[in-house]
Amino acid sequence: MLEFDKVWACAGAPALVFSIDPEALRRLAGAVAGDFTGYWAASS
């Protein structure tokens, strides 16, 4: 997700969709970036 210039998010209702810089979204959410590519391959 962090490789994109802009991502779209929703704040709980269809009318509350907004675009945001992915790094800003990560920071505001207090999220930690992780690699999930191995998850999908392992769960197949």
Foldseek 3Di string as FASTA:
>chain_A
DQVDQKDWDADPDPVRIDIDRVVVVCVVVVHDDDDCPVVVVVVD
